[in-house]
Amino acid sequence: MATLTYVYAESTAVLGPLATYAEPHSYDLCAQHAESLTVPRGWEVMRLAMPSSPPQPGPDDLLALANAVREAASAPAVPEQRTVRAPFDGPAPVEGTRRHLRILRDPS
């Protein structure tokens, strides 16, 4: 995994380690797409050193996960609202028509 960031003012694409936060003009790529990256003609690609193995979760990651689970568990349950639709009350079919379709007779 890698993060691709565009610097339009400098016509540069920077490919580096996976970012820890989102920012405009940056996209996370899988390994296959990171390796086969091409840029527009006239642009430069800067490939930063990539770690040999993915980083292991740290205490901050585990704490954030625990907080997210607590927050989801304490949120009040929202009752599911069901929408009931009235039956279609369009014009009644008449000879030569069928609801929204029309039958065209051969002019000959």
PDB file of N, CA and C in Angstrom:
ATOM      1  N   MET A   1       0.846  -1.174   0.000  1.00  0.00           N
ATOM      2  CA  MET A   1       0.000   0.000   0.000  1.00  0.00           C
ATOM      3  C   MET A   1       0.892   1.239   0.000  1.00  0.00           C
ATOM      4  N   ALA A   2       0.395   2.260  -0.711  1.00  0.00           N
ATOM      5  CA  ALA A   2       1.129   3.516  -0.796  1.00  0.00           C
ATOM      6  C   ALA A   2       0.125   4.650  -0.953  1.00  0.00           C
ATOM      7  N   THR A   3       0.575   5.857  -0.701  1.00  0.00           N
ATOM      8  CA  THR A   3      -0.258   7.037  -0.890  1.00  0.00           C
ATOM      9  C   THR A   3       0.338   7.873  -2.005  1.00  0.00           C
ATOM     10  N   LEU A   4      -0.517   8.241  -2.952  1.00  0.00           N
ATOM     11  CA  LEU A   4      -0.123   9.084  -4.070  1.00  0.00           C
ATOM     12  C   LEU A   4      -0.646  10.479  -3.800  1.00  0.00           C
ATOM     13  N   THR A   5       0.233  11.468  -3.892  1.00  0.00           N
ATOM     14  CA  THR A   5      -0.149  12.857  -3.673  1.00  0.00           C
ATOM     15  C   THR A   5       0.279  13.668  -4.882  1.00  0.00           C
ATOM     16  N   TYR A   6      -0.625  14.495  -5.390  1.00  0.00           N
ATOM     17  CA  TYR A   6      -0.320  15.353  -6.530  1.00  0.00           C
ATOM     18  C   TYR A   6       0.025  16.748  -6.046  1.00  0.00           C
ATOM     19  N   VAL A   7       1.062  17.332  -6.641  1.00  0.00           N
ATOM     20  CA  VAL A   7       1.410  18.727  -6.396  1.00  0.00           C
ATOM     21  C   VAL A   7       1.276  19.409  -7.757  1.00  0.00           C
ATOM     22  N   TYR A   8       0.092  19.921  -8.048  1.00  0.00           N
ATOM     23  CA  TYR A   8      -0.192  20.475  -9.364  1.00  0.00           C
ATOM     24  C   TYR A   8       0.722  21.642  -9.719  1.00  0.00           C
ATOM     25  N   ALA A   9       1.002  22.514  -8.762  1.00  0.00           N
ATOM     26  CA  ALA A   9       1.823  23.689  -9.037  1.00  0.00           C
ATOM     27  C   ALA A   9       3.212  23.308  -9.537  1.00  0.00           C
ATOM     28  N   GLU A  10       3.700  22.138  -9.144  1.00  0.00           N
ATOM     29  CA  GLU A  10       5.044  21.704  -9.545  1.00  0.00           C
ATOM     30  C   GLU A  10       5.009  20.553 -10.546  1.00  0.00           C
ATOM     31  N   SER A  11       3.817  20.182 -11.034  1.00  0.00           N
ATOM     32  CA  SER A  11       3.651  19.055 -11.962  1.00  0.00           C
ATOM     33  C   SER A  11       4.386  17.824 -11.454  1.00  0.00           C
ATOM     34  N   THR A  12       4.114  17.482 -10.205  1.00  0.00           N
ATOM     35  CA  THR A  12       4.816  16.382  -9.549  1.00  0.00           C
ATOM     36  C   THR A  12       3.813  15.460  -8.872  1.00  0.00           C
ATOM     37  N   ALA A  13       4.088  14.168  -8.960  1.00  0.00           N
ATOM     38  CA  ALA A  13       3.320  13.164  -8.228  1.00  0.00           C
ATOM     39  C   ALA A  13       4.276  12.520  -7.234  1.00  0.00           C
ATOM     40  N   VAL A  14       3.885  12.461  -5.976  1.00  0.00           N
ATOM     41  CA  VAL A  14       4.728  11.885  -4.928  1.00  0.00           C
ATOM     42  C   VAL A  14       4.084  10.580  -4.473  1.00  0.00           C
ATOM     43  N   LEU A  15       4.838   9.493  -4.545  1.00  0.00           N
ATOM     44  CA  LEU A  15       4.367   8.183  -4.126  1.00  0.00           C
ATOM     45  C   LEU A  15       5.181   7.770  -2.914  1.00  0.00           C
ATOM     46  N   GLY A  16       4.513   7.576  -1.784  1.00  0.00           N
ATOM     47  CA  GLY A  16       5.231   7.259  -0.559  1.00  0.00           C
ATOM     48  C   GLY A  16       4.441   6.332   0.339  1.00  0.00           C
ATOM     49  N   PRO A  17       4.912   6.168   1.559  1.00  0.00           N
ATOM     50  CA  PRO A  17       4.237   5.284   2.523  1.00  0.00           C
ATOM     51  C   PRO A  17       2.790   5.725   2.751  1.00  0.00           C
ATOM     52  N   LEU A  18       1.976   4.791   3.186  1.00  0.00           N
ATOM     53  CA  LEU A  18       0.571   5.046   3.439  1.00  0.00           C
ATOM     54  C   LEU A  18       0.413   6.202   4.423  1.00  0.00           C
ATOM     55  N   ALA A  19      -0.398   7.182   4.046  1.00  0.00           N
ATOM     56  CA  ALA A  19      -0.601   8.358   4.892  1.00  0.00           C
ATOM     57  C   ALA A  19      -1.452   8.014   6.104  1.00  0.00           C
ATOM     58  N   THR A  20      -1.238   8.736   7.190  1.00  0.00           N
ATOM     59  CA  THR A  20      -2.013   8.496   8.410  1.00  0.00           C
ATOM     60  C   THR A  20      -3.242   9.392   8.495  1.00  0.00           C
ATOM     61  N   TYR A  21      -3.367  10.371   7.581  1.00  0.00           N
ATOM     62  CA  TYR A  21      -4.541  11.227   7.563  1.00  0.00           C
ATOM     63  C   TYR A  21      -4.826  11.621   6.112  1.00  0.00           C
ATOM     64  N   ALA A  22      -6.086  11.948   5.843  1.00  0.00           N
ATOM     65  CA  ALA A  22      -6.489  12.305   4.484  1.00  0.00           C
ATOM     66  C   ALA A  22      -6.220  13.775   4.219  1.00  0.00           C
ATOM     67  N   GLU A  23      -5.832  14.058   2.997  1.00  0.00           N
ATOM     68  CA  GLU A  23      -5.673  15.438   2.575  1.00  0.00           C
ATOM     69  C   GLU A  23      -6.055  15.533   1.106  1.00  0.00           C
ATOM     70  N   PRO A  24      -6.412  16.718   0.648  1.00  0.00           N
ATOM     71  CA  PRO A  24      -6.823  16.857  -0.756  1.00  0.00           C
ATOM     72  C   PRO A  24      -5.714  16.417  -1.709  1.00  0.00           C
ATOM     73  N   HIS A  25      -6.113  15.877  -2.802  1.00  0.00           N
ATOM     74  CA  HIS A  25      -5.202  15.429  -3.867  1.00  0.00           C
ATOM     75  C   HIS A  25      -4.302  14.281  -3.442  1.00  0.00           C
ATOM     76  N   SER A  26      -4.740  13.462  -2.496  1.00  0.00           N
ATOM     77  CA  SER A  26      -3.964  12.273  -2.140  1.00  0.00           C
ATOM     78  C   SER A  26      -4.876  11.057  -2.195  1.00  0.00           C
ATOM     79  N   TYR A  27      -4.323   9.952  -2.684  1.00  0.00           N
ATOM     80  CA  TYR A  27      -5.091   8.737  -2.899  1.00  0.00           C
ATOM     81  C   TYR A  27      -4.284   7.536  -2.440  1.00  0.00           C
ATOM     82  N   ASP A  28      -4.922   6.596  -1.762  1.00  0.00           N
ATOM     83  CA  ASP A  28      -4.258   5.372  -1.338  1.00  0.00           C
ATOM     84  C   ASP A  28      -4.318   4.360  -2.477  1.00  0.00           C
ATOM     85  N   LEU A  29      -3.193   3.714  -2.740  1.00  0.00           N
ATOM     86  CA  LEU A  29      -3.088   2.742  -3.820  1.00  0.00           C
ATOM     87  C   LEU A  29      -2.641   1.395  -3.281  1.00  0.00           C
ATOM     88  N   CYS A  30      -3.106   0.318  -3.920  1.00  0.00           N
ATOM     89  CA  CYS A  30      -2.605  -1.011  -3.568  1.00  0.00           C
ATOM     90  C   CYS A  30      -1.206  -1.152  -4.173  1.00  0.00           C
ATOM     91  N   ALA A  31      -0.488  -2.203  -3.795  1.00  0.00           N
ATOM     92  CA  ALA A  31       0.891  -2.391  -4.250  1.00  0.00           C
ATOM     93  C   ALA A  31       0.982  -2.485  -5.768  1.00  0.00           C
ATOM     94  N   GLN A  32       0.044  -3.212  -6.386  1.00  0.00           N
ATOM     95  CA  GLN A  32       0.078  -3.385  -7.845  1.00  0.00           C
ATOM     96  C   GLN A  32      -0.054  -2.041  -8.568  1.00  0.00           C
ATOM     97  N   HIS A  33      -0.986  -1.215  -8.138  1.00  0.00           N
ATOM     98  CA  HIS A  33      -1.173   0.073  -8.791  1.00  0.00           C
ATOM     99  C   HIS A  33      -0.047   1.054  -8.451  1.00  0.00           C
ATOM    100  N   ALA A  34       0.513   0.952  -7.280  1.00  0.00           N
ATOM    101  CA  ALA A  34       1.639   1.816  -6.920  1.00  0.00           C
ATOM    102  C   ALA A  34       2.856   1.506  -7.796  1.00  0.00           C
ATOM    103  N   GLU A  35       3.078   0.235  -8.110  1.00  0.00           N
ATOM    104  CA  GLU A  35       4.223  -0.152  -8.944  1.00  0.00           C
ATOM    105  C   GLU A  35       4.032   0.248 -10.402  1.00  0.00           C
ATOM    106  N   SER A  36       2.792   0.222 -10.886  1.00  0.00           N
ATOM    107  CA  SER A  36       2.552   0.497 -12.305  1.00  0.00           C
ATOM    108  C   SER A  36       2.110   1.936 -12.561  1.00  0.00           C
ATOM    109  N   LEU A  37       2.331   2.822 -11.621  1.00  0.00           N
ATOM    110  CA  LEU A  37       1.902   4.212 -11.738  1.00  0.00           C
ATOM    111  C   LEU A  37       2.587   4.920 -12.909  1.00  0.00           C
ATOM    112  N   THR A  38       1.790   5.617 -13.700  1.00  0.00           N
ATOM    113  CA  THR A  38       2.320   6.510 -14.737  1.00  0.00           C
ATOM    114  C   THR A  38       1.697   7.878 -14.524  1.00  0.00           C
ATOM    115  N   VAL A  39       2.385   8.911 -14.983  1.00  0.00           N
ATOM    116  CA  VAL A  39       1.900  10.280 -14.817  1.00  0.00           C
ATOM    117  C   VAL A  39       1.826  10.944 -16.185  1.00  0.00           C
ATOM    118  N   PRO A  40       1.130  12.074 -16.277  1.00  0.00           N
ATOM    119  CA  PRO A  40       1.044  12.778 -17.564  1.00  0.00           C
ATOM    120  C   PRO A  40       2.415  13.211 -18.063  1.00  0.00           C
ATOM    121  N   ARG A  41       2.508  13.359 -19.383  1.00  0.00           N
ATOM    122  CA  ARG A  41       3.755  13.802 -20.011  1.00  0.00           C
ATOM    123  C   ARG A  41       4.171  15.147 -19.426  1.00  0.00           C
ATOM    124  N   GLY A  42       5.427  15.278 -19.078  1.00  0.00           N
ATOM    125  CA  GLY A  42       5.947  16.509 -18.500  1.00  0.00           C
ATOM    126  C   GLY A  42       5.927  16.541 -16.982  1.00  0.00           C
ATOM    127  N   TRP A  43       5.315  15.554 -16.363  1.00  0.00           N
ATOM    128  CA  TRP A  43       5.268  15.477 -14.904  1.00  0.00           C
ATOM    129  C   TRP A  43       6.435  14.649 -14.400  1.00  0.00           C
ATOM    130  N   GLU A  44       6.777  14.865 -13.138  1.00  0.00           N
ATOM    131  CA  GLU A  44       7.845  14.108 -12.483  1.00  0.00           C
ATOM    132  C   GLU A  44       7.220  13.233 -11.391  1.00  0.00           C
ATOM    133  N   VAL A  45       7.777  12.030 -11.210  1.00  0.00           N
ATOM    134  CA  VAL A  45       7.316  11.140 -10.141  1.00  0.00           C
ATOM    135  C   VAL A  45       8.411  11.043  -9.104  1.00  0.00           C
ATOM    136  N   MET A  46       8.078  11.340  -7.868  1.00  0.00           N
ATOM    137  CA  MET A  46       9.027  11.155  -6.764  1.00  0.00           C
ATOM    138  C   MET A  46       8.567   9.933  -5.989  1.00  0.00           C
ATOM    139  N   ARG A  47       9.402   8.896  -5.947  1.00  0.00           N
ATOM    140  CA  ARG A  47       9.064   7.672  -5.209  1.00  0.00           C
ATOM    141  C   ARG A  47       9.873   7.670  -3.908  1.00  0.00           C
ATOM    142  N   LEU A  48       9.176   7.842  -2.798  1.00  0.00           N
ATOM    143  CA  LEU A  48       9.836   7.851  -1.493  1.00  0.00           C
ATOM    144  C   LEU A  48      10.091   6.416  -1.045  1.00  0.00           C
ATOM    145  N   ALA A  49      11.047   6.256  -0.141  1.00  0.00           N
ATOM    146  CA  ALA A  49      11.377   4.924   0.370  1.00  0.00           C
ATOM    147  C   ALA A  49      10.157   4.332   1.073  1.00  0.00           C
ATOM    148  N   MET A  50       9.867   3.076   0.733  1.00  0.00           N
ATOM    149  CA  MET A  50       8.723   2.385   1.309  1.00  0.00           C
ATOM    150  C   MET A  50       9.212   1.427   2.391  1.00  0.00           C
ATOM    151  N   PRO A  51       8.473   1.279   3.499  1.00  0.00           N
ATOM    152  CA  PRO A  51       8.867   0.328   4.530  1.00  0.00           C
ATOM    153  C   PRO A  51       8.774  -1.097   3.987  1.00  0.00           C
ATOM    154  N   SER A  52       9.659  -1.974   4.457  1.00  0.00           N
ATOM    155  CA  SER A  52       9.672  -3.350   3.968  1.00  0.00           C
ATOM    156  C   SER A  52       8.507  -4.167   4.518  1.00  0.00           C
ATOM    157  N   SER A  53       7.955  -3.774   5.650  1.00  0.00           N
ATOM    158  CA  SER A  53       6.801  -4.479   6.213  1.00  0.00           C
ATOM    159  C   SER A  53       5.810  -3.445   6.736  1.00  0.00           C
ATOM    160  N   PRO A  54       4.515  -3.793   6.727  1.00  0.00           N
ATOM    161  CA  PRO A  54       3.528  -2.828   7.217  1.00  0.00           C
ATOM    162  C   PRO A  54       3.729  -2.548   8.705  1.00  0.00           C
ATOM    163  N   PRO A  55       3.460  -1.330   9.142  1.00  0.00           N
ATOM    164  CA  PRO A  55       3.636  -0.996  10.557  1.00  0.00           C
ATOM    165  C   PRO A  55       2.655  -1.776  11.430  1.00  0.00           C
ATOM    166  N   GLN A  56       3.113  -2.158  12.596  1.00  0.00           N
ATOM    167  CA  GLN A  56       2.275  -2.883  13.549  1.00  0.00           C
ATOM    168  C   GLN A  56       1.408  -1.881  14.304  1.00  0.00           C
ATOM    169  N   PRO A  57       0.191  -2.294  14.705  1.00  0.00           N
ATOM    170  CA  PRO A  57      -0.661  -1.379  15.459  1.00  0.00           C
ATOM    171  C   PRO A  57       0.008  -0.964  16.771  1.00  0.00           C
ATOM    172  N   GLY A  58      -0.103   0.294  17.081  1.00  0.00           N
ATOM    173  CA  GLY A  58       0.470   0.813  18.316  1.00  0.00           C
ATOM    174  C   GLY A  58      -0.614   1.065  19.344  1.00  0.00           C
ATOM    175  N   PRO A  59      -0.232   1.550  20.515  1.00  0.00           N
ATOM    176  CA  PRO A  59      -1.213   1.812  21.572  1.00  0.00           C
ATOM    177  C   PRO A  59      -2.247   2.856  21.158  1.00  0.00           C
ATOM    178  N   ASP A  60      -1.841   3.844  20.353  1.00  0.00           N
ATOM    179  CA  ASP A  60      -2.808   4.851  19.905  1.00  0.00           C
ATOM    180  C   ASP A  60      -3.863   4.234  18.995  1.00  0.00           C
ATOM    181  N   ASP A  61      -3.463   3.288  18.141  1.00  0.00           N
ATOM    182  CA  ASP A  61      -4.410   2.621  17.248  1.00  0.00           C
ATOM    183  C   ASP A  61      -5.418   1.811  18.053  1.00  0.00           C
ATOM    184  N   LEU A  62      -4.942   1.082  19.033  1.00  0.00           N
ATOM    185  CA  LEU A  62      -5.835   0.259  19.854  1.00  0.00           C
ATOM    186  C   LEU A  62      -6.784   1.121  20.680  1.00  0.00           C
ATOM    187  N   LEU A  63      -6.285   2.228  21.189  1.00  0.00           N
ATOM    188  CA  LEU A  63      -7.121   3.144  21.957  1.00  0.00           C
ATOM    189  C   LEU A  63      -8.203   3.762  21.068  1.00  0.00           C
ATOM    190  N   ALA A  64      -7.847   4.141  19.854  1.00  0.00           N
ATOM    191  CA  ALA A  64      -8.827   4.709  18.928  1.00  0.00           C
ATOM    192  C   ALA A  64      -9.900   3.679  18.577  1.00  0.00           C
ATOM    193  N   LEU A  65      -9.500   2.435  18.390  1.00  0.00           N
ATOM    194  CA  LEU A  65     -10.459   1.373  18.097  1.00  0.00           C
ATOM    195  C   LEU A  65     -11.412   1.154  19.273  1.00  0.00           C
ATOM    196  N   ALA A  66     -10.865   1.111  20.486  1.00  0.00           N
ATOM    197  CA  ALA A  66     -11.696   0.925  21.678  1.00  0.00           C
ATOM    198  C   ALA A  66     -12.676   2.083  21.835  1.00  0.00           C
ATOM    199  N   ASN A  67     -12.227   3.308  21.599  1.00  0.00           N
ATOM    200  CA  ASN A  67     -13.120   4.476  21.703  1.00  0.00           C
ATOM    201  C   ASN A  67     -14.231   4.426  20.661  1.00  0.00           C
ATOM    202  N   ALA A  68     -13.910   3.989  19.454  1.00  0.00           N
ATOM    203  CA  ALA A  68     -14.921   3.890  18.400  1.00  0.00           C
ATOM    204  C   ALA A  68     -15.970   2.847  18.763  1.00  0.00           C
ATOM    205  N   VAL A  69     -15.543   1.723  19.327  1.00  0.00           N
ATOM    206  CA  VAL A  69     -16.490   0.678  19.733  1.00  0.00           C
ATOM    207  C   VAL A  69     -17.377   1.186  20.860  1.00  0.00           C
ATOM    208  N   ARG A  70     -16.796   1.868  21.848  1.00  0.00           N
ATOM    209  CA  ARG A  70     -17.589   2.426  22.944  1.00  0.00           C
ATOM    210  C   ARG A  70     -18.610   3.436  22.432  1.00  0.00           C
ATOM    211  N   GLU A  71     -18.196   4.283  21.528  1.00  0.00           N
ATOM    212  CA  GLU A  71     -19.082   5.310  20.989  1.00  0.00           C
ATOM    213  C   GLU A  71     -20.246   4.669  20.225  1.00  0.00           C
ATOM    214  N   ALA A  72     -19.957   3.647  19.444  1.00  0.00           N
ATOM    215  CA  ALA A  72     -21.014   2.965  18.684  1.00  0.00           C
ATOM    216  C   ALA A  72     -21.976   2.249  19.626  1.00  0.00           C
ATOM    217  N   ALA A  73     -21.466   1.683  20.700  1.00  0.00           N
ATOM    218  CA  ALA A  73     -22.318   0.949  21.638  1.00  0.00           C
ATOM    219  C   ALA A  73     -23.200   1.889  22.455  1.00  0.00           C
ATOM    220  N   SER A  74     -22.740   3.098  22.715  1.00  0.00           N
ATOM    221  CA  SER A  74     -23.511   4.016  23.549  1.00  0.00           C
ATOM    222  C   SER A  74     -24.463   4.895  22.744  1.00  0.00           C
ATOM    223  N   ALA A  75     -24.402   4.838  21.429  1.00  0.00           N
ATOM    224  CA  ALA A  75     -25.293   5.656  20.608  1.00  0.00           C
ATOM    225  C   ALA A  75     -26.722   5.146  20.747  1.00  0.00           C
ATOM    226  N   PRO A  76     -27.681   6.052  20.870  1.00  0.00           N
ATOM    227  CA  PRO A  76     -29.072   5.615  20.999  1.00  0.00           C
ATOM    228  C   PRO A  76     -29.530   4.919  19.720  1.00  0.00           C
ATOM    229  N   ALA A  77     -30.312   3.877  19.901  1.00  0.00           N
ATOM    230  CA  ALA A  77     -30.813   3.124  18.753  1.00  0.00           C
ATOM    231  C   ALA A  77     -31.863   3.955  18.035  1.00  0.00           C
ATOM    232  N   VAL A  78     -31.742   4.049  16.739  1.00  0.00           N
ATOM    233  CA  VAL A  78     -32.695   4.796  15.935  1.00  0.00           C
ATOM    234  C   VAL A  78     -33.666   3.793  15.341  1.00  0.00           C
ATOM    235  N   PRO A  79     -34.965   3.957  15.627  1.00  0.00           N
ATOM    236  CA  PRO A  79     -35.922   2.992  15.078  1.00  0.00           C
ATOM    237  C   PRO A  79     -35.957   3.090  13.557  1.00  0.00           C
ATOM    238  N   GLU A  80     -36.086   1.929  12.938  1.00  0.00           N
ATOM    239  CA  GLU A  80     -36.113   1.880  11.490  1.00  0.00           C
ATOM    240  C   GLU A  80     -37.445   2.437  11.003  1.00  0.00           C
ATOM    241  N   GLN A  81     -37.386   3.378  10.085  1.00  0.00           N
ATOM    242  CA  GLN A  81     -38.597   3.966   9.549  1.00  0.00           C
ATOM    243  C   GLN A  81     -38.908   3.311   8.216  1.00  0.00           C
ATOM    244  N   ARG A  82     -40.130   2.848   8.084  1.00  0.00           N
ATOM    245  CA  ARG A  82     -40.534   2.196   6.850  1.00  0.00           C
ATOM    246  C   ARG A  82     -41.393   3.166   6.057  1.00  0.00           C
ATOM    247  N   THR A  83     -41.139   3.228   4.788  1.00  0.00           N
ATOM    248  CA  THR A  83     -41.911   4.085   3.910  1.00  0.00           C
ATOM    249  C   THR A  83     -42.941   3.242   3.181  1.00  0.00           C
ATOM    250  N   VAL A  84     -44.193   3.649   3.279  1.00  0.00           N
ATOM    251  CA  VAL A  84     -45.271   2.945   2.594  1.00  0.00           C
ATOM    252  C   VAL A  84     -45.672   3.791   1.404  1.00  0.00           C
ATOM    253  N   ARG A  85     -45.645   3.180   0.227  1.00  0.00           N
ATOM    254  CA  ARG A  85     -45.998   3.911  -0.986  1.00  0.00           C
ATOM    255  C   ARG A  85     -47.431   3.589  -1.387  1.00  0.00           C
ATOM    256  N   ALA A  86     -48.117   4.613  -1.866  1.00  0.00           N
ATOM    257  CA  ALA A  86     -49.477   4.416  -2.362  1.00  0.00           C
ATOM    258  C   ALA A  86     -49.404   3.692  -3.696  1.00  0.00           C
ATOM    259  N   PRO A  87     -50.429   2.893  -4.015  1.00  0.00           N
ATOM    260  CA  PRO A  87     -50.430   2.219  -5.314  1.00  0.00           C
ATOM    261  C   PRO A  87     -50.499   3.231  -6.442  1.00  0.00           C
ATOM    262  N   PHE A  88     -50.033   2.841  -7.621  1.00  0.00           N
ATOM    263  CA  PHE A  88     -50.022   3.733  -8.773  1.00  0.00           C
ATOM    264  C   PHE A  88     -51.454   4.019  -9.205  1.00  0.00           C
ATOM    265  N   ASP A  89     -51.810   5.298  -9.219  1.00  0.00           N
ATOM    266  CA  ASP A  89     -53.157   5.690  -9.605  1.00  0.00           C
ATOM    267  C   ASP A  89     -53.133   6.493 -10.900  1.00  0.00           C
ATOM    268  N   GLY A  90     -52.370   6.030 -11.866  1.00  0.00           N
ATOM    269  CA  GLY A  90     -52.264   6.735 -13.141  1.00  0.00           C
ATOM    270  C   GLY A  90     -53.539   6.594 -13.936  1.00  0.00           C
ATOM    271  N   PRO A  91     -53.542   7.149 -15.128  1.00  0.00           N
ATOM    272  CA  PRO A  91     -54.742   7.078 -15.955  1.00  0.00           C
ATOM    273  C   PRO A  91     -55.078   5.634 -16.307  1.00  0.00           C
ATOM    274  N   ALA A  92     -56.348   5.358 -16.399  1.00  0.00           N
ATOM    275  CA  ALA A  92     -56.794   4.005 -16.728  1.00  0.00           C
ATOM    276  C   ALA A  92     -56.447   3.704 -18.185  1.00  0.00           C
ATOM    277  N   PRO A  93     -56.046   2.461 -18.481  1.00  0.00           N
ATOM    278  CA  PRO A  93     -55.719   2.132 -19.862  1.00  0.00           C
ATOM    279  C   PRO A  93     -56.945   2.265 -20.766  1.00  0.00           C
ATOM    280  N   VAL A  94     -56.709   2.815 -21.943  1.00  0.00           N
ATOM    281  CA  VAL A  94     -57.764   2.901 -22.942  1.00  0.00           C
ATOM    282  C   VAL A  94     -57.290   2.187 -24.191  1.00  0.00           C
ATOM    283  N   GLU A  95     -58.190   2.003 -25.147  1.00  0.00           N
ATOM    284  CA  GLU A  95     -57.835   1.267 -26.353  1.00  0.00           C
ATOM    285  C   GLU A  95     -56.625   1.921 -27.021  1.00  0.00           C
ATOM    286  N   GLY A  96     -55.643   1.117 -27.330  1.00  0.00           N
ATOM    287  CA  GLY A  96     -54.452   1.625 -28.002  1.00  0.00           C
ATOM    288  C   GLY A  96     -53.349   2.057 -27.055  1.00  0.00           C
ATOM    289  N   THR A  97     -53.600   2.072 -25.737  1.00  0.00           N
ATOM    290  CA  THR A  97     -52.542   2.447 -24.790  1.00  0.00           C
ATOM    291  C   THR A  97     -52.472   1.427 -23.675  1.00  0.00           C
ATOM    292  N   ARG A  98     -51.354   1.367 -23.054  1.00  0.00           N
ATOM    293  CA  ARG A  98     -51.165   0.487 -21.899  1.00  0.00           C
ATOM    294  C   ARG A  98     -50.282   1.248 -20.914  1.00  0.00           C
ATOM    295  N   ARG A  99     -50.896   1.925 -19.950  1.00  0.00           N
ATOM    296  CA  ARG A  99     -50.222   2.798 -18.978  1.00  0.00           C
ATOM    297  C   ARG A  99     -49.312   3.786 -19.707  1.00  0.00           C
ATOM    298  N   HIS A 100     -47.994   3.592 -19.681  1.00  0.00           N
ATOM    299  CA  HIS A 100     -47.081   4.547 -20.297  1.00  0.00           C
ATOM    300  C   HIS A 100     -46.698   4.161 -21.726  1.00  0.00           C
ATOM    301  N   LEU A 101     -47.157   2.997 -22.199  1.00  0.00           N
ATOM    302  CA  LEU A 101     -46.832   2.557 -23.554  1.00  0.00           C
ATOM    303  C   LEU A 101     -47.974   2.900 -24.501  1.00  0.00           C
ATOM    304  N   ARG A 102     -47.661   3.156 -25.739  1.00  0.00           N
ATOM    305  CA  ARG A 102     -48.684   3.429 -26.749  1.00  0.00           C
ATOM    306  C   ARG A 102     -48.499   2.447 -27.893  1.00  0.00           C
ATOM    307  N   ILE A 103     -49.604   2.014 -28.436  1.00  0.00           N
ATOM    308  CA  ILE A 103     -49.570   1.128 -29.591  1.00  0.00           C
ATOM    309  C   ILE A 103     -49.758   1.978 -30.839  1.00  0.00           C
ATOM    310  N   LEU A 104     -48.799   1.898 -31.742  1.00  0.00           N
ATOM    311  CA  LEU A 104     -48.885   2.664 -32.981  1.00  0.00           C
ATOM    312  C   LEU A 104     -49.349   1.733 -34.084  1.00  0.00           C
ATOM    313  N   ARG A 105     -50.381   2.151 -34.789  1.00  0.00           N
ATOM    314  CA  ARG A 105     -50.908   1.351 -35.891  1.00  0.00           C
ATOM    315  C   ARG A 105     -50.082   1.590 -37.145  1.00  0.00           C
ATOM    316  N   ASP A 106     -49.974   0.564 -37.981  1.00  0.00           N
ATOM    317  CA  ASP A 106     -49.261   0.671 -39.254  1.00  0.00           C
ATOM    318  C   ASP A 106     -50.017   1.652 -40.142  1.00  0.00           C
ATOM    319  N   PRO A 107     -49.352   2.692 -40.686  1.00  0.00           N
ATOM    320  CA  PRO A 107     -50.052   3.698 -41.472  1.00  0.00           C
ATOM    321  C   PRO A 107     -50.643   3.139 -42.772  1.00  0.00           C
ATOM    322  N   SER A 108     -50.251   1.982 -43.256  1.00  0.00           N
ATOM    323  CA  SER A 108     -50.791   1.474 -44.532  1.00  0.00           C
ATOM    324  C   SER A 108     -52.107   0.767 -44.383  1.00  0.00           C
TER     325      SER A 108
END
